[in-house]
């Protein structure tokens, strides 16, 4: 038999309204009444009808999360943190993987609407400003990550230029003078920002920029990092340090150095970016830029929640979340 609010109220000796206030998390309930209601809820096994509640509020109870590739650990970890943050606010999360192509990203963006989700978090790689309608599907959007597209929506990211600058400055502080970069890809906004930070750190350290030391990577996967590292190490004057634009590229670079009989960090120091779990367990453990992914997820959910619950006309916010340089074995000693 289905347990109703009235059943709980009768057992607790309070009004149905009081039970409703407790179930919905409202603060203005007397402590004694709250205790009695909570005991009655446990005794009866009452479960709220979330679908009916959302219907009354004119909501679906779902948020969308659009990411390029779940196979890249950063996005998998971020998705888990977004789900956790959303659940605290009573939302479930639908995830769409776009492979970072403009066509897939545009199709996903255009399919979002209030019939499906209450809001969306989007982490684009290829979208342009023209791809964003003024109010996509009538739902609030929050943009995640470093994609430099000028649209009037809330945005949460770390300062990628500064983070890359910190990574390369660390390598320069070790006395490395031929610092290479792996991950250049004009199709990725992230790439241009990390390349800018790389170049600014070289200038600050009094080191010259050489295009031959900047290796492209069509995808930021391990295999592309290994191939780029091997190419760099065959140069007449190979690098003595490498900044990789993500940890997967760096893991591939570590493998390539070992296969060529060289040592990290003695011959080549390597820094990655993202601080995925694998980076702490590579051999040697990888020095990396560690974005505060929890803070990023919480900030994004907070912003989209505010838009959904009433702050639709407020000016868009640009929130920068913290990062740190996690120094490990791949840059220690020589």
Protein backbone atom coordinates (compact mmCIF):
# COMPACT_ATOMS: atom_id res chain seq x y z
CA UNK A 1 0.00 0.00 0.00
CA UNK A 2 1.29 3.47 -0.89
CA UNK A 3 2.13 5.62 2.10
CA UNK A 4 0.84 9.18 1.86
CA UNK A 5 1.74 12.44 3.59
CA UNK A 6 -1.53 12.11 5.52
CA UNK A 7 -0.46 8.73 6.88
CA UNK A 8 2.84 10.21 8.07
CA UNK A 9 1.07 13.22 9.59
CA UNK A 10 -1.36 10.99 11.51
CA UNK A 11 1.44 8.88 12.97
CA UNK A 12 3.51 11.95 13.90
CA UNK A 13 0.54 13.86 15.32
CA UNK A 14 1.17 16.92 13.16
CA UNK A 15 -0.44 18.56 10.16
CA UNK A 16 0.09 17.44 6.57
CA UNK A 17 1.65 20.87 5.92
CA UNK A 18 4.28 20.25 8.59
CA UNK A 19 5.18 16.90 7.04
CA UNK A 20 5.42 18.58 3.64
CA UNK A 21 7.75 21.24 5.04
CA UNK A 22 10.08 18.60 6.49
CA UNK A 23 10.09 16.52 3.29
CA UNK A 24 10.90 19.60 1.19
CA UNK A 25 13.73 20.69 3.49
CA UNK A 26 12.20 23.92 4.76
CA UNK A 27 13.92 25.31 7.86
CA UNK A 28 10.91 26.79 9.66
CA UNK A 29 9.77 23.65 11.52
CA UNK A 30 9.94 23.29 15.30
CA UNK A 31 12.71 20.86 16.32
CA UNK A 32 10.29 18.61 18.22
CA UNK A 33 7.89 18.45 15.26
CA UNK A 34 10.77 17.76 12.88
CA UNK A 35 11.95 14.89 15.07
CA UNK A 36 8.49 13.33 15.19
CA UNK A 37 8.03 13.67 11.43
CA UNK A 38 11.43 12.15 10.70
CA UNK A 39 10.66 9.20 12.98
CA UNK A 40 7.29 8.73 11.27
CA UNK A 41 8.92 8.91 7.82
CA UNK A 42 11.37 6.19 8.84
CA UNK A 43 8.66 4.03 10.40
CA UNK A 44 6.34 4.20 7.37
CA UNK A 45 9.03 4.05 4.69
CA UNK A 46 7.53 7.08 2.95
CA UNK A 47 9.20 8.06 -0.32
CA UNK A 48 8.32 11.39 -1.98
CA UNK A 49 7.06 11.34 -5.56
CA UNK A 50 9.84 13.40 -7.12
CA UNK A 51 8.19 13.38 -10.53
CA UNK A 52 4.97 14.84 -9.17
CA UNK A 53 6.87 17.44 -7.17
CA UNK A 54 8.80 18.60 -10.22
CA UNK A 55 5.62 18.68 -12.29
CA UNK A 56 4.03 21.03 -9.76
CA UNK A 57 7.10 23.25 -9.94
CA UNK A 58 7.13 23.22 -13.73
CA UNK A 59 10.48 21.40 -13.85
CA UNK A 60 11.84 18.13 -15.17
CA UNK A 61 14.29 17.43 -12.36
CA UNK A 62 17.12 16.93 -14.87
CA UNK A 63 20.21 18.88 -15.92
CA UNK A 64 22.29 18.20 -19.03
CA UNK A 65 26.08 17.99 -19.09
CA UNK A 66 27.80 18.22 -22.48
CA UNK A 67 31.45 17.12 -22.62
CA UNK A 68 33.83 16.20 -25.46
CA UNK A 69 35.12 12.76 -24.38
CA UNK A 70 34.36 10.70 -21.29
CA UNK A 71 37.38 8.52 -22.12
CA UNK A 72 39.61 11.46 -21.15
CA UNK A 73 39.89 11.09 -17.36
CA UNK A 74 39.46 14.81 -16.68
CA UNK A 75 35.96 14.79 -18.16
CA UNK A 76 35.02 11.52 -16.48
CA UNK A 77 36.12 12.85 -13.10
CA UNK A 78 34.39 16.18 -13.70
CA UNK A 79 31.16 14.43 -14.69
CA UNK A 80 31.16 12.47 -11.43
CA UNK A 81 31.66 15.64 -9.41
CA UNK A 82 28.89 17.45 -11.32
CA UNK A 83 26.51 14.55 -10.60
CA UNK A 84 27.37 14.70 -6.89
CA UNK A 85 26.88 18.47 -6.74
CA UNK A 86 23.60 18.24 -8.65
CA UNK A 87 22.21 15.50 -6.42
CA UNK A 88 22.68 17.77 -3.41
CA UNK A 89 20.23 20.17 -5.10
CA UNK A 90 17.76 17.44 -6.07
CA UNK A 91 18.69 17.14 -9.76
CA UNK A 92 19.70 14.18 -11.86
CA UNK A 93 22.20 14.65 -14.71
CA UNK A 94 21.96 13.53 -18.34
CA UNK A 95 25.37 13.33 -20.05
CA UNK A 96 26.02 13.85 -23.75
CA UNK A 97 29.41 13.14 -25.36
CA UNK A 98 30.20 15.21 -28.45
CA UNK A 99 33.74 14.14 -29.43
CA UNK A 100 34.54 17.85 -29.54
CA UNK A 101 33.19 18.38 -33.07
CA UNK A 102 31.25 21.50 -33.93
CA UNK A 103 28.51 19.51 -35.67
CA UNK A 104 27.87 17.30 -32.63
CA UNK A 105 28.06 20.22 -30.24
CA UNK A 106 25.60 22.27 -32.27
CA UNK A 107 23.20 19.34 -32.55
CA UNK A 108 23.33 18.72 -28.81
CA UNK A 109 22.85 22.38 -27.96
CA UNK A 110 19.85 22.71 -30.29
CA UNK A 111 18.18 19.61 -28.82
CA UNK A 112 18.11 20.98 -25.28
CA UNK A 113 14.83 22.43 -24.10
CA UNK A 114 12.52 22.74 -21.07
CA UNK A 115 10.69 19.59 -22.14
CA UNK A 116 13.89 17.63 -21.43
CA UNK A 117 16.03 19.49 -18.86
CA UNK A 118 15.87 22.48 -16.53
CA UNK A 119 19.34 23.73 -17.43
CA UNK A 120 22.63 22.64 -18.96
CA UNK A 121 26.37 22.75 -18.37
CA UNK A 122 28.33 22.76 -21.62
CA UNK A 123 32.05 22.17 -22.13
CA UNK A 124 32.54 23.02 -25.82
CA UNK A 125 35.63 22.54 -27.93
CA UNK A 126 34.51 23.85 -31.33
CA UNK A 127 31.35 25.95 -30.85
CA UNK A 128 31.40 29.55 -32.02
CA UNK A 129 29.41 32.50 -30.73
CA UNK A 130 26.90 32.22 -33.59
CA UNK A 131 26.03 28.69 -32.43
CA UNK A 132 24.54 29.99 -29.17
CA UNK A 133 20.97 31.32 -29.45
CA UNK A 134 20.07 34.22 -27.17
CA UNK A 135 18.25 31.81 -24.86
CA UNK A 136 18.90 28.25 -26.02
CA UNK A 137 15.70 26.23 -25.71
CA UNK A 138 14.48 28.60 -23.03
CA UNK A 139 16.81 27.03 -20.45
CA UNK A 140 19.78 28.46 -18.52
CA UNK A 141 23.26 27.52 -19.75
CA UNK A 142 26.59 27.54 -17.93
CA UNK A 143 29.78 27.18 -19.97
CA UNK A 144 32.64 25.18 -18.49
CA UNK A 145 36.30 25.27 -19.38
CA UNK A 146 38.58 27.42 -21.41
CA UNK A 147 36.84 27.74 -24.77
CA UNK A 148 37.17 31.44 -25.60
CA UNK A 149 33.79 32.20 -27.15
CA UNK A 150 32.16 35.54 -26.40
CA UNK A 151 28.56 34.82 -25.41
CA UNK A 152 26.55 36.38 -22.55
CA UNK A 153 26.16 33.28 -20.37
CA UNK A 154 27.65 32.20 -17.05
CA UNK A 155 31.16 30.76 -17.34
CA UNK A 156 33.28 28.69 -14.93
CA UNK A 157 36.94 27.82 -15.56
CA UNK A 158 40.45 28.10 -14.21
CA UNK A 159 42.86 30.69 -15.62
CA UNK A 160 44.51 28.44 -18.22
CA UNK A 161 47.02 31.01 -19.40
CA UNK A 162 48.25 31.54 -15.85
CA UNK A 163 48.24 27.80 -15.08
CA UNK A 164 50.38 27.02 -18.13
CA UNK A 165 52.68 29.90 -17.21
CA UNK A 166 53.14 28.42 -13.72
CA UNK A 167 53.93 24.98 -15.16
CA UNK A 168 56.57 26.26 -17.57
CA UNK A 169 58.05 28.65 -15.01
CA UNK A 170 58.56 25.64 -12.75
CA UNK A 171 60.55 23.92 -15.49
CA UNK A 172 62.63 27.05 -16.10
CA UNK A 173 63.35 27.35 -12.38
CA UNK A 174 65.01 23.93 -12.56
CA UNK A 175 67.55 25.31 -15.02
CA UNK A 176 65.97 23.77 -18.10
CA UNK A 177 66.64 25.88 -21.17
CA UNK A 178 65.09 23.94 -24.06
CA UNK A 179 61.50 23.61 -22.93
CA UNK A 180 59.15 22.02 -25.45
CA UNK A 181 55.35 21.84 -25.52
CA UNK A 182 53.07 19.02 -26.68
CA UNK A 183 49.43 19.54 -27.60
CA UNK A 184 49.13 22.37 -30.09
CA UNK A 185 45.79 22.08 -31.87
CA UNK A 186 44.17 25.14 -33.48
CA UNK A 187 40.73 23.52 -33.23
CA UNK A 188 40.84 23.54 -29.42
CA UNK A 189 40.43 26.80 -27.54
CA UNK A 190 42.18 25.18 -24.59
CA UNK A 191 45.29 24.70 -26.73
CA UNK A 192 45.63 28.38 -27.66
CA UNK A 193 45.35 29.47 -24.03
CA UNK A 194 47.89 26.97 -22.75
CA UNK A 195 50.23 27.86 -25.60
CA UNK A 196 49.94 31.53 -24.64
CA UNK A 197 50.91 30.69 -21.06
CA UNK A 198 53.83 28.60 -22.30
CA UNK A 199 55.15 31.48 -24.42
CA UNK A 200 54.74 34.10 -21.69
CA UNK A 201 56.71 31.95 -19.24
CA UNK A 202 59.54 31.56 -21.75
CA UNK A 203 59.72 35.33 -22.17
CA UNK A 204 59.75 35.86 -18.41
CA UNK A 205 62.59 33.32 -18.05
CA UNK A 206 64.62 34.94 -20.82
CA UNK A 207 64.29 31.89 -23.08
CA UNK A 208 63.61 32.10 -26.80
CA UNK A 209 60.53 30.59 -28.41
CA UNK A 210 61.11 28.03 -31.17
CA UNK A 211 58.26 26.68 -33.26
CA UNK A 212 60.16 23.42 -33.71
CA UNK A 213 59.80 22.77 -29.97
CA UNK A 214 55.98 22.97 -30.10
CA UNK A 215 54.58 19.61 -31.15
CA UNK A 216 51.02 19.27 -32.46
CA UNK A 217 48.54 16.67 -31.24
CA UNK A 218 45.34 15.97 -33.15
CA UNK A 219 43.89 14.35 -30.04
CA UNK A 220 45.03 14.67 -26.46
CA UNK A 221 45.49 10.94 -25.96
CA UNK A 222 48.48 8.89 -24.78
CA UNK A 223 49.49 7.70 -28.25
CA UNK A 224 49.69 11.22 -29.62
CA UNK A 225 51.82 12.26 -26.66
CA UNK A 226 54.22 9.36 -27.23
CA UNK A 227 54.54 10.10 -30.96
CA UNK A 228 55.15 13.81 -30.33
CA UNK A 229 57.77 13.07 -27.67
CA UNK A 230 59.67 10.72 -29.99
CA UNK A 231 59.64 13.38 -32.70
CA UNK A 232 61.00 16.02 -30.32
CA UNK A 233 63.77 13.74 -29.08
CA UNK A 234 65.05 13.17 -32.63
CA UNK A 235 65.74 16.89 -33.11
CA UNK A 236 69.40 17.92 -33.47
CA UNK A 237 69.00 19.81 -30.18
CA UNK A 238 66.31 17.89 -28.28
CA UNK A 239 64.43 19.40 -25.34
CA UNK A 240 65.50 18.96 -21.74
CA UNK A 241 61.95 19.62 -20.49
CA UNK A 242 58.42 19.29 -21.85
CA UNK A 243 55.11 20.87 -20.90
CA UNK A 244 52.22 18.65 -22.02
CA UNK A 245 48.79 20.22 -22.42
CA UNK A 246 47.09 17.38 -20.53
CA UNK A 247 48.09 14.38 -18.43
CA UNK A 248 47.32 11.78 -21.10
CA UNK A 249 49.82 13.42 -23.46
CA UNK A 250 52.32 13.48 -20.60
CA UNK A 251 51.79 9.77 -19.81
CA UNK A 252 52.50 8.98 -23.46
CA UNK A 253 55.59 11.19 -23.35
CA UNK A 254 56.88 9.33 -20.27
CA UNK A 255 56.56 6.05 -22.15
CA UNK A 256 58.41 7.39 -25.19
CA UNK A 257 61.32 8.66 -23.09
CA UNK A 258 61.69 5.25 -21.43
CA UNK A 259 61.56 3.41 -24.78
CA UNK A 260 64.42 5.57 -26.06
CA UNK A 261 66.57 4.70 -23.06
CA UNK A 262 66.42 8.13 -21.45
CA UNK A 263 65.46 9.07 -17.91
CA UNK A 264 62.81 11.34 -16.39
CA UNK A 265 63.62 13.80 -14.94
CA UNK A 266 67.41 13.43 -15.31
CA UNK A 267 67.39 13.78 -19.12
CA UNK A 268 63.94 15.25 -19.69
CA UNK A 269 61.64 16.81 -17.07
CA UNK A 270 57.91 16.54 -17.82
CA UNK A 271 54.87 18.45 -16.54
CA UNK A 272 51.27 17.57 -17.35
CA UNK A 273 47.92 19.25 -16.82
CA UNK A 274 44.66 18.05 -15.13
CA UNK A 275 45.92 15.96 -12.17
CA UNK A 276 43.93 12.90 -13.13
CA UNK A 277 44.27 9.87 -10.87
CA UNK A 278 46.67 8.11 -13.24
CA UNK A 279 49.21 10.93 -12.91
CA UNK A 280 49.93 10.08 -9.27
CA UNK A 281 50.62 6.41 -10.10
CA UNK A 282 52.76 6.72 -13.24
CA UNK A 283 56.44 5.86 -12.93
CA UNK A 284 57.82 8.36 -12.22
CA UNK A 285 54.82 10.11 -10.74
CA UNK A 286 53.83 13.09 -12.87
CA UNK A 287 54.16 16.73 -11.89
CA UNK A 288 50.95 18.37 -13.08
CA UNK A 289 48.64 21.34 -12.86
CA UNK A 290 45.80 20.38 -10.51
CA UNK A 291 42.54 22.26 -11.17
CA UNK A 292 40.11 22.25 -8.27
CA UNK A 293 37.53 20.15 -10.11
CA UNK A 294 35.24 19.96 -7.08
CA UNK A 295 35.10 23.76 -6.85
CA UNK A 296 34.43 23.97 -10.58
CA UNK A 297 31.53 21.50 -10.39
CA UNK A 298 30.03 23.17 -7.31
CA UNK A 299 30.29 26.65 -8.85
CA UNK A 300 28.65 25.51 -12.09
CA UNK A 301 25.76 23.83 -10.30
CA UNK A 302 25.31 26.87 -8.07
CA UNK A 303 25.10 29.18 -11.09
CA UNK A 304 22.64 27.05 -13.03
CA UNK A 305 20.54 26.56 -9.88
CA UNK A 306 20.28 30.31 -9.37
CA UNK A 307 19.15 30.80 -12.96
CA UNK A 308 16.54 28.06 -12.70
CA UNK A 309 15.13 29.29 -9.40
CA UNK A 310 14.73 32.94 -10.26
CA UNK A 311 17.86 34.93 -11.15
CA UNK A 312 17.27 34.70 -14.90
CA UNK A 313 17.80 38.40 -15.62
CA UNK A 314 20.98 38.89 -13.56
CA UNK A 315 24.16 39.73 -15.52
CA UNK A 316 26.25 36.69 -16.53
CA UNK A 317 29.05 35.74 -14.16
CA UNK A 318 32.60 34.69 -15.04
CA UNK A 319 33.87 32.52 -12.19
CA UNK A 320 37.52 31.45 -11.94
CA UNK A 321 38.20 28.44 -9.73
CA UNK A 322 41.57 27.63 -8.11
CA UNK A 323 44.41 25.46 -9.35
CA UNK A 324 47.74 24.33 -7.93
CA UNK A 325 51.02 22.93 -9.21
CA UNK A 326 51.38 19.38 -7.89
CA UNK A 327 55.13 18.70 -7.87
CA UNK A 328 56.04 15.02 -8.16
CA UNK A 329 58.92 12.85 -9.35
CA UNK A 330 58.89 13.82 -13.05
CA UNK A 331 60.53 17.18 -12.23
CA UNK A 332 62.45 16.41 -9.03
CA UNK A 333 66.22 16.14 -9.16
CA UNK A 334 68.43 15.75 -12.20
